[in-house]
PDB file of N, CA and C in Angstrom:
ATOM      1  N   MET A   1     267.246 258.898 162.309  1.00  0.00           N
ATOM      2  CA  MET A   1     267.423 259.456 160.986  1.00  0.00           C
ATOM      3  C   MET A   1     266.323 260.452 160.683  1.00  0.00           C
ATOM      4  N   GLY A   2     265.728 260.977 161.707  1.00  0.00           N
ATOM      5  CA  GLY A   2     264.566 261.823 161.545  1.00  0.00           C
ATOM      6  C   GLY A   2     264.814 263.181 160.926  1.00  0.00           C
ATOM      7  N   LEU A   3     265.971 263.787 161.152  1.00  0.00           N
ATOM      8  CA  LEU A   3     266.214 265.103 160.590  1.00  0.00           C
ATOM      9  C   LEU A   3     266.257 265.046 159.076  1.00  0.00           C
ATOM     10  N   ASP A   4     265.596 266.013 158.454  1.00  0.00           N
ATOM     11  CA  ASP A   4     265.557 266.045 156.989  1.00  0.00           C
ATOM     12  C   ASP A   4     266.944 266.047 156.375  1.00  0.00           C
ATOM     13  N   GLU A   5     267.883 266.755 156.988  1.00  0.00           N
ATOM     14  CA  GLU A   5     269.245 266.828 156.461  1.00  0.00           C
ATOM     15  C   GLU A   5     269.895 265.459 156.411  1.00  0.00           C
ATOM     16  N   VAL A   6     269.617 264.614 157.396  1.00  0.00           N
ATOM     17  CA  VAL A   6     270.186 263.264 157.427  1.00  0.00           C
ATOM     18  C   VAL A   6     269.535 262.417 156.341  1.00  0.00           C
ATOM     19  N   GLN A   7     268.207 262.461 156.250  1.00  0.00           N
ATOM     20  CA  GLN A   7     267.525 261.684 155.231  1.00  0.00           C
ATOM     21  C   GLN A   7     267.902 262.141 153.833  1.00  0.00           C
ATOM     22  N   ASP A   8     268.043 263.458 153.634  1.00  0.00           N
ATOM     23  CA  ASP A   8     268.466 263.960 152.327  1.00  0.00           C
ATOM     24  C   ASP A   8     269.830 263.409 151.943  1.00  0.00           C
ATOM     25  N   ARG A   9     270.712 263.318 152.899  1.00  0.00           N
ATOM     26  CA  ARG A   9     272.059 262.772 152.637  1.00  0.00           C
ATOM     27  C   ARG A   9     271.963 261.307 152.221  1.00  0.00           C
ATOM     28  N   LEU A  10     271.115 260.541 152.891  1.00  0.00           N
ATOM     29  CA  LEU A  10     270.942 259.139 152.532  1.00  0.00           C
ATOM     30  C   LEU A  10     270.327 259.006 151.137  1.00  0.00           C
ATOM     31  N   GLU A  11     269.374 259.865 150.821  1.00  0.00           N
ATOM     32  CA  GLU A  11     268.726 259.811 149.514  1.00  0.00           C
ATOM     33  C   GLU A  11     269.683 260.148 148.384  1.00  0.00           C
ATOM     34  N   SER A  12     270.718 260.936 148.672  1.00  0.00           N
ATOM     35  CA  SER A  12     271.666 261.328 147.633  1.00  0.00           C
ATOM     36  C   SER A  12     272.607 260.172 147.271  1.00  0.00           C
ATOM     37  N   THR A  13     272.573 259.112 148.051  1.00  0.00           N
ATOM     38  CA  THR A  13     273.358 257.912 147.738  1.00  0.00           C
ATOM     39  C   THR A  13     272.402 256.892 147.127  1.00  0.00           C
ATOM     40  N   THR A  14     272.862 255.703 146.879  1.00  0.00           N
ATOM     41  CA  THR A  14     271.978 254.657 146.355  1.00  0.00           C
ATOM     42  C   THR A  14     271.405 253.821 147.494  1.00  0.00           C
ATOM     43  N   PHE A  15     271.403 254.358 148.700  1.00  0.00           N
ATOM     44  CA  PHE A  15     270.801 253.713 149.849  1.00  0.00           C
ATOM     45  C   PHE A  15     269.303 253.560 149.602  1.00  0.00           C
ATOM     46  N   PRO A  16     268.641 252.455 149.880  1.00  0.00           N
ATOM     47  CA  PRO A  16     269.150 251.239 150.482  1.00  0.00           C
ATOM     48  C   PRO A  16     269.554 250.167 149.475  1.00  0.00           C
ATOM     49  N   ASN A  17     269.627 250.511 148.201  1.00  0.00           N
ATOM     50  CA  ASN A  17     269.960 249.494 147.193  1.00  0.00           C
ATOM     51  C   ASN A  17     271.329 248.870 147.393  1.00  0.00           C
ATOM     52  N   LYS A  18     272.223 249.544 148.133  1.00  0.00           N
ATOM     53  CA  LYS A  18     273.537 248.993 148.419  1.00  0.00           C
ATOM     54  C   LYS A  18     273.480 247.947 149.544  1.00  0.00           C
ATOM     55  N   LEU A  19     272.391 247.933 150.300  1.00  0.00           N
ATOM     56  CA  LEU A  19     272.310 247.040 151.450  1.00  0.00           C
ATOM     57  C   LEU A  19     272.257 245.584 151.039  1.00  0.00           C
ATOM     58  N   ILE A  20     272.981 244.789 151.756  1.00  0.00           N
ATOM     59  CA  ILE A  20     272.916 243.338 151.606  1.00  0.00           C
ATOM     60  C   ILE A  20     272.449 242.806 152.944  1.00  0.00           C
ATOM     61  N   GLY A  21     271.338 242.144 152.968  1.00  0.00           N
ATOM     62  CA  GLY A  21     270.799 241.656 154.238  1.00  0.00           C
ATOM     63  C   GLY A  21     269.880 242.679 154.873  1.00  0.00           C
ATOM     64  N   ASP A  22     269.657 242.513 156.151  1.00  0.00           N
ATOM     65  CA  ASP A  22     268.706 243.344 156.866  1.00  0.00           C
ATOM     66  C   ASP A  22     269.329 244.623 157.407  1.00  0.00           C
ATOM     67  N   TRP A  23     268.500 245.638 157.527  1.00  0.00           N
ATOM     68  CA  TRP A  23     268.889 246.895 158.142  1.00  0.00           C
ATOM     69  C   TRP A  23     267.938 247.097 159.308  1.00  0.00           C
ATOM     70  N   ILE A  24     268.475 247.313 160.488  1.00  0.00           N
ATOM     71  CA  ILE A  24     267.674 247.571 161.677  1.00  0.00           C
ATOM     72  C   ILE A  24     267.867 249.039 162.048  1.00  0.00           C
ATOM     73  N   ASN A  25     266.788 249.774 162.085  1.00  0.00           N
ATOM     74  CA  ASN A  25     266.807 251.168 162.492  1.00  0.00           C
ATOM     75  C   ASN A  25     266.269 251.245 163.911  1.00  0.00           C
ATOM     76  N   VAL A  26     267.147 251.497 164.866  1.00  0.00           N
ATOM     77  CA  VAL A  26     266.758 251.587 166.269  1.00  0.00           C
ATOM     78  C   VAL A  26     266.697 253.061 166.646  1.00  0.00           C
ATOM     79  N   TYR A  27     265.596 253.453 167.285  1.00  0.00           N
ATOM     80  CA  TYR A  27     265.432 254.843 167.664  1.00  0.00           C
ATOM     81  C   TYR A  27     264.715 254.969 169.008  1.00  0.00           C
ATOM     82  N   ASP A  28     265.007 256.028 169.693  1.00  0.00           N
ATOM     83  CA  ASP A  28     264.278 256.396 170.904  1.00  0.00           C
ATOM     84  C   ASP A  28     263.309 257.499 170.482  1.00  0.00           C
ATOM     85  N   PRO A  29     262.037 257.413 170.878  1.00  0.00           N
ATOM     86  CA  PRO A  29     261.084 258.457 170.505  1.00  0.00           C
ATOM     87  C   PRO A  29     261.483 259.855 170.987  1.00  0.00           C
ATOM     88  N   PHE A  30     262.365 259.943 171.991  1.00  0.00           N
ATOM     89  CA  PHE A  30     262.801 261.243 172.490  1.00  0.00           C
ATOM     90  C   PHE A  30     264.228 261.579 172.060  1.00  0.00           C
ATOM     91  N   ASP A  31     264.779 260.830 171.125  1.00  0.00           N
ATOM     92  CA  ASP A  31     266.083 261.117 170.546  1.00  0.00           C
ATOM     93  C   ASP A  31     265.924 262.380 169.685  1.00  0.00           C
ATOM     94  N   ALA A  32     266.665 263.428 170.014  1.00  0.00           N
ATOM     95  CA  ALA A  32     266.512 264.710 169.333  1.00  0.00           C
ATOM     96  C   ALA A  32     266.764 264.629 167.824  1.00  0.00           C
ATOM     97  N   VAL A  33     267.624 263.714 167.400  1.00  0.00           N
ATOM     98  CA  VAL A  33     267.932 263.577 165.984  1.00  0.00           C
ATOM     99  C   VAL A  33     266.849 262.775 165.266  1.00  0.00           C
ATOM    100  N   ALA A  34     266.382 261.715 165.887  1.00  0.00           N
ATOM    101  CA  ALA A  34     265.395 260.837 165.253  1.00  0.00           C
ATOM    102  C   ALA A  34     263.959 261.316 165.392  1.00  0.00           C
ATOM    103  N   ARG A  35     263.676 262.052 166.419  1.00  0.00           N
ATOM    104  CA  ARG A  35     262.289 262.392 166.769  1.00  0.00           C
ATOM    105  C   ARG A  35     261.432 262.967 165.644  1.00  0.00           C
ATOM    106  N   PRO A  36     261.927 263.859 164.802  1.00  0.00           N
ATOM    107  CA  PRO A  36     261.037 264.418 163.767  1.00  0.00           C
ATOM    108  C   PRO A  36     260.417 263.354 162.846  1.00  0.00           C
ATOM    109  N   ASP A  37     261.125 262.282 162.557  1.00  0.00           N
ATOM    110  CA  ASP A  37     260.623 261.219 161.683  1.00  0.00           C
ATOM    111  C   ASP A  37     261.467 259.979 161.942  1.00  0.00           C
ATOM    112  N   PRO A  38     261.190 259.253 163.042  1.00  0.00           N
ATOM    113  CA  PRO A  38     262.096 258.179 163.461  1.00  0.00           C
ATOM    114  C   PRO A  38     262.082 256.918 162.605  1.00  0.00           C
ATOM    115  N   LYS A  39     261.007 256.692 161.864  1.00  0.00           N
ATOM    116  CA  LYS A  39     260.898 255.444 161.104  1.00  0.00           C
ATOM    117  C   LYS A  39     261.452 255.630 159.696  1.00  0.00           C
ATOM    118  N   LEU A  40     262.275 254.679 159.271  1.00  0.00           N
ATOM    119  CA  LEU A  40     262.891 254.734 157.948  1.00  0.00           C
ATOM    120  C   LEU A  40     262.252 253.799 156.938  1.00  0.00           C
ATOM    121  N   ALA A  41     261.590 252.760 157.394  1.00  0.00           N
ATOM    122  CA  ALA A  41     261.084 251.720 156.489  1.00  0.00           C
ATOM    123  C   ALA A  41     260.178 252.299 155.394  1.00  0.00           C
ATOM    124  N   ASN A  42     259.353 253.255 155.756  1.00  0.00           N
ATOM    125  CA  ASN A  42     258.434 253.820 154.768  1.00  0.00           C
ATOM    126  C   ASN A  42     259.105 254.843 153.846  1.00  0.00           C
ATOM    127  N   ASP A  43     260.267 255.339 154.235  1.00  0.00           N
ATOM    128  CA  ASP A  43     260.960 256.354 153.440  1.00  0.00           C
ATOM    129  C   ASP A  43     261.986 255.777 152.468  1.00  0.00           C
ATOM    130  N   PHE A  44     262.596 254.678 152.844  1.00  0.00           N
ATOM    131  CA  PHE A  44     263.668 254.098 152.037  1.00  0.00           C
ATOM    132  C   PHE A  44     263.320 252.651 151.701  1.00  0.00           C
ATOM    133  N   LYS A  45     262.699 252.479 150.553  1.00  0.00           N
ATOM    134  CA  LYS A  45     262.297 251.142 150.119  1.00  0.00           C
ATOM    135  C   LYS A  45     263.275 250.645 149.056  1.00  0.00           C
ATOM    136  N   LYS A  46     263.396 249.345 148.977  1.00  0.00           N
ATOM    137  CA  LYS A  46     264.258 248.727 147.971  1.00  0.00           C
ATOM    138  C   LYS A  46     263.349 248.124 146.927  1.00  0.00           C
ATOM    139  N   GLU A  47     263.351 248.731 145.753  1.00  0.00           N
ATOM    140  CA  GLU A  47     262.477 248.294 144.658  1.00  0.00           C
ATOM    141  C   GLU A  47     261.015 248.252 145.109  1.00  0.00           C
ATOM    142  N   GLY A  48     260.606 249.276 145.881  1.00  0.00           N
ATOM    143  CA  GLY A  48     259.229 249.403 146.315  1.00  0.00           C
ATOM    144  C   GLY A  48     258.838 248.580 147.524  1.00  0.00           C
ATOM    145  N   VAL A  49     259.776 247.831 148.083  1.00  0.00           N
ATOM    146  CA  VAL A  49     259.484 246.953 149.229  1.00  0.00           C
ATOM    147  C   VAL A  49     260.215 247.462 150.470  1.00  0.00           C
ATOM    148  N   GLU A  50     259.487 247.492 151.592  1.00  0.00           N
ATOM    149  CA  GLU A  50     260.139 247.883 152.854  1.00  0.00           C
ATOM    150  C   GLU A  50     261.117 246.799 153.273  1.00  0.00           C
ATOM    151  N   THR A  51     262.363 247.195 153.474  1.00  0.00           N
ATOM    152  CA  THR A  51     263.401 246.242 153.873  1.00  0.00           C
ATOM    153  C   THR A  51     264.060 246.629 155.183  1.00  0.00           C
ATOM    154  N   ILE A  52     263.705 247.781 155.704  1.00  0.00           N
ATOM    155  CA  ILE A  52     264.261 248.256 156.965  1.00  0.00           C
ATOM    156  C   ILE A  52     263.294 247.896 158.088  1.00  0.00           C
ATOM    157  N   ILE A  53     263.816 247.418 159.186  1.00  0.00           N
ATOM    158  CA  ILE A  53     263.003 247.082 160.354  1.00  0.00           C
ATOM    159  C   ILE A  53     263.173 248.195 161.379  1.00  0.00           C
ATOM    160  N   ASP A  54     262.094 248.941 161.635  1.00  0.00           N
ATOM    161  CA  ASP A  54     262.123 250.018 162.627  1.00  0.00           C
ATOM    162  C   ASP A  54     261.833 249.472 164.009  1.00  0.00           C
ATOM    163  N   VAL A  55     262.681 249.796 164.974  1.00  0.00           N
ATOM    164  CA  VAL A  55     262.542 249.290 166.345  1.00  0.00           C
ATOM    165  C   VAL A  55     262.625 250.468 167.316  1.00  0.00           C
ATOM    166  N   ALA A  56     261.539 250.700 168.051  1.00  0.00           N
ATOM    167  CA  ALA A  56     261.553 251.730 169.081  1.00  0.00           C
ATOM    168  C   ALA A  56     262.244 251.161 170.320  1.00  0.00           C
ATOM    169  N   GLU A  57     263.271 251.862 170.778  1.00  0.00           N
ATOM    170  CA  GLU A  57     264.053 251.408 171.937  1.00  0.00           C
ATOM    171  C   GLU A  57     264.264 252.597 172.864  1.00  0.00           C
ATOM    172  N   GLU A  58     263.751 252.492 174.070  1.00  0.00           N
ATOM    173  CA  GLU A  58     263.918 253.603 175.004  1.00  0.00           C
ATOM    174  C   GLU A  58     265.360 253.711 175.471  1.00  0.00           C
ATOM    175  N   ASN A  59     265.889 254.915 175.358  1.00  0.00           N
ATOM    176  CA  ASN A  59     267.199 255.227 175.863  1.00  0.00           C
ATOM    177  C   ASN A  59     267.007 256.004 177.153  1.00  0.00           C
ATOM    178  N   TRP A  60     268.014 256.626 177.698  1.00  0.00           N
ATOM    179  CA  TRP A  60     267.830 257.357 178.951  1.00  0.00           C
ATOM    180  C   TRP A  60     268.751 258.570 178.970  1.00  0.00           C
ATOM    181  N   GLY A  61     268.493 259.464 179.913  1.00  0.00           N
ATOM    182  CA  GLY A  61     269.325 260.632 180.082  1.00  0.00           C
ATOM    183  C   GLY A  61     268.867 261.808 179.250  1.00  0.00           C
ATOM    184  N   THR A  62     269.613 262.882 179.347  1.00  0.00           N
ATOM    185  CA  THR A  62     269.237 264.088 178.601  1.00  0.00           C
ATOM    186  C   THR A  62     269.660 264.004 177.131  1.00  0.00           C
ATOM    187  N   TRP A  63     270.709 263.251 176.810  1.00  0.00           N
ATOM    188  CA  TRP A  63     271.128 263.078 175.413  1.00  0.00           C
ATOM    189  C   TRP A  63     270.864 261.642 175.008  1.00  0.00           C
ATOM    190  N   ARG A  64     269.786 261.415 174.303  1.00  0.00           N
ATOM    191  CA  ARG A  64     269.346 260.053 173.968  1.00  0.00           C
ATOM    192  C   ARG A  64     269.865 259.562 172.632  1.00  0.00           C
ATOM    193  N   HIS A  65     270.677 260.340 171.971  1.00  0.00           N
ATOM    194  CA  HIS A  65     271.221 259.937 170.667  1.00  0.00           C
ATOM    195  C   HIS A  65     272.570 259.220 170.813  1.00  0.00           C
ATOM    196  N   SER A  66     272.903 258.787 171.992  1.00  0.00           N
ATOM    197  CA  SER A  66     274.186 258.158 172.273  1.00  0.00           C
ATOM    198  C   SER A  66     274.199 256.698 171.791  1.00  0.00           C
ATOM    199  N   ALA A  67     275.119 256.384 170.894  1.00  0.00           N
ATOM    200  CA  ALA A  67     275.230 255.011 170.386  1.00  0.00           C
ATOM    201  C   ALA A  67     275.608 254.049 171.510  1.00  0.00           C
ATOM    202  N   THR A  68     276.471 254.479 172.411  1.00  0.00           N
ATOM    203  CA  THR A  68     276.863 253.574 173.502  1.00  0.00           C
ATOM    204  C   THR A  68     275.683 253.228 174.387  1.00  0.00           C
ATOM    205  N   LYS A  69     274.758 254.148 174.570  1.00  0.00           N
ATOM    206  CA  LYS A  69     273.544 253.852 175.338  1.00  0.00           C
ATOM    207  C   LYS A  69     272.646 252.882 174.567  1.00  0.00           C
ATOM    208  N   TYR A  70     272.502 253.113 173.274  1.00  0.00           N
ATOM    209  CA  TYR A  70     271.674 252.209 172.459  1.00  0.00           C
ATOM    210  C   TYR A  70     272.217 250.777 172.536  1.00  0.00           C
ATOM    211  N   PHE A  71     273.528 250.626 172.461  1.00  0.00           N
ATOM    212  CA  PHE A  71     274.114 249.278 172.494  1.00  0.00           C
ATOM    213  C   PHE A  71     273.892 248.559 173.816  1.00  0.00           C
ATOM    214  N   LYS A  72     273.547 249.259 174.848  1.00  0.00           N
ATOM    215  CA  LYS A  72     273.250 248.645 176.143  1.00  0.00           C
ATOM    216  C   LYS A  72     271.796 248.227 176.277  1.00  0.00           C
ATOM    217  N   ARG A  73     270.945 248.585 175.333  1.00  0.00           N
ATOM    218  CA  ARG A  73     269.512 248.334 175.441  1.00  0.00           C
ATOM    219  C   ARG A  73     269.147 246.961 174.891  1.00  0.00           C
ATOM    220  N   PRO A  74     268.117 246.314 175.473  1.00  0.00           N
ATOM    221  CA  PRO A  74     267.788 244.928 175.135  1.00  0.00           C
ATOM    222  C   PRO A  74     267.268 244.688 173.717  1.00  0.00           C
ATOM    223  N   LYS A  75     266.472 245.602 173.184  1.00  0.00           N
ATOM    224  CA  LYS A  75     265.932 245.355 171.828  1.00  0.00           C
ATOM    225  C   LYS A  75     267.021 245.396 170.773  1.00  0.00           C
ATOM    226  N   LEU A  76     267.918 246.365 170.882  1.00  0.00           N
ATOM    227  CA  LEU A  76     269.020 246.432 169.913  1.00  0.00           C
ATOM    228  C   LEU A  76     269.898 245.194 170.022  1.00  0.00           C
ATOM    229  N   ARG A  77     270.237 244.789 171.239  1.00  0.00           N
ATOM    230  CA  ARG A  77     271.083 243.612 171.441  1.00  0.00           C
ATOM    231  C   ARG A  77     270.404 242.353 170.886  1.00  0.00           C
ATOM    232  N   LYS A  78     269.096 242.246 171.064  1.00  0.00           N
ATOM    233  CA  LYS A  78     268.347 241.094 170.521  1.00  0.00           C
ATOM    234  C   LYS A  78     268.462 241.062 169.005  1.00  0.00           C
ATOM    235  N   HIS A  79     268.257 242.191 168.360  1.00  0.00           N
ATOM    236  CA  HIS A  79     268.330 242.231 166.901  1.00  0.00           C
ATOM    237  C   HIS A  79     269.737 241.969 166.393  1.00  0.00           C
ATOM    238  N   LEU A  80     270.733 242.426 167.110  1.00  0.00           N
ATOM    239  CA  LEU A  80     272.118 242.129 166.714  1.00  0.00           C
ATOM    240  C   LEU A  80     272.391 240.627 166.799  1.00  0.00           C
ATOM    241  N   ARG A  81     271.890 239.993 167.873  1.00  0.00           N
ATOM    242  CA  ARG A  81     272.070 238.539 167.992  1.00  0.00           C
ATOM    243  C   ARG A  81     271.349 237.817 166.845  1.00  0.00           C
ATOM    244  N   LEU A  82     270.150 238.262 166.510  1.00  0.00           N
ATOM    245  CA  LEU A  82     269.421 237.658 165.385  1.00  0.00           C
ATOM    246  C   LEU A  82     270.185 237.804 164.084  1.00  0.00           C
ATOM    247  N   LEU A  83     270.742 238.973 163.854  1.00  0.00           N
ATOM    248  CA  LEU A  83     271.503 239.209 162.621  1.00  0.00           C
ATOM    249  C   LEU A  83     272.769 238.360 162.573  1.00  0.00           C
ATOM    250  N   CYS A  84     273.294 238.054 163.737  1.00  0.00           N
ATOM    251  CA  CYS A  84     274.499 237.204 163.813  1.00  0.00           C
ATOM    252  C   CYS A  84     274.147 235.726 163.887  1.00  0.00           C
ATOM    253  N   CYS A  85     272.877 235.411 163.731  1.00  0.00           N
ATOM    254  CA  CYS A  85     272.385 234.027 163.742  1.00  0.00           C
ATOM    255  C   CYS A  85     272.673 233.298 165.045  1.00  0.00           C
ATOM    256  N   ARG A  86     272.626 234.017 166.163  1.00  0.00           N
ATOM    257  CA  ARG A  86     272.888 233.389 167.448  1.00  0.00           C
ATOM    258  C   ARG A  86     271.628 232.988 168.179  1.00  0.00           C
ATOM    259  N   GLU A  87     270.490 233.482 167.723  1.00  0.00           N
ATOM    260  CA  GLU A  87     269.225 233.057 168.301  1.00  0.00           C
ATOM    261  C   GLU A  87     268.121 233.300 167.291  1.00  0.00           C
ATOM    262  N   GLU A  88     267.040 232.632 167.476  1.00  0.00           N
ATOM    263  CA  GLU A  88     265.922 232.770 166.526  1.00  0.00           C
ATOM    264  C   GLU A  88     264.737 233.382 167.195  1.00  0.00           C
TER     265      GLU A  88
END
């Protein structure tokens, strides 16, 4: 969510006040879209409190913004299992 245009779009909504539960922001430091400002927790607070969990996850290849690649990575899969209450 690093590009200003993406963050501006999120700010124009009531995000993150609409969120119920946890939000996990997974990014690759070399993801062309996320790289300018990959962490969201400090930018989008809910009533002044950080509610987003930023997780750096290395992707691979020349296009690192691929969701299908992210879903194959261990940190994202771990957080998804946690959110689904399958492991602690």
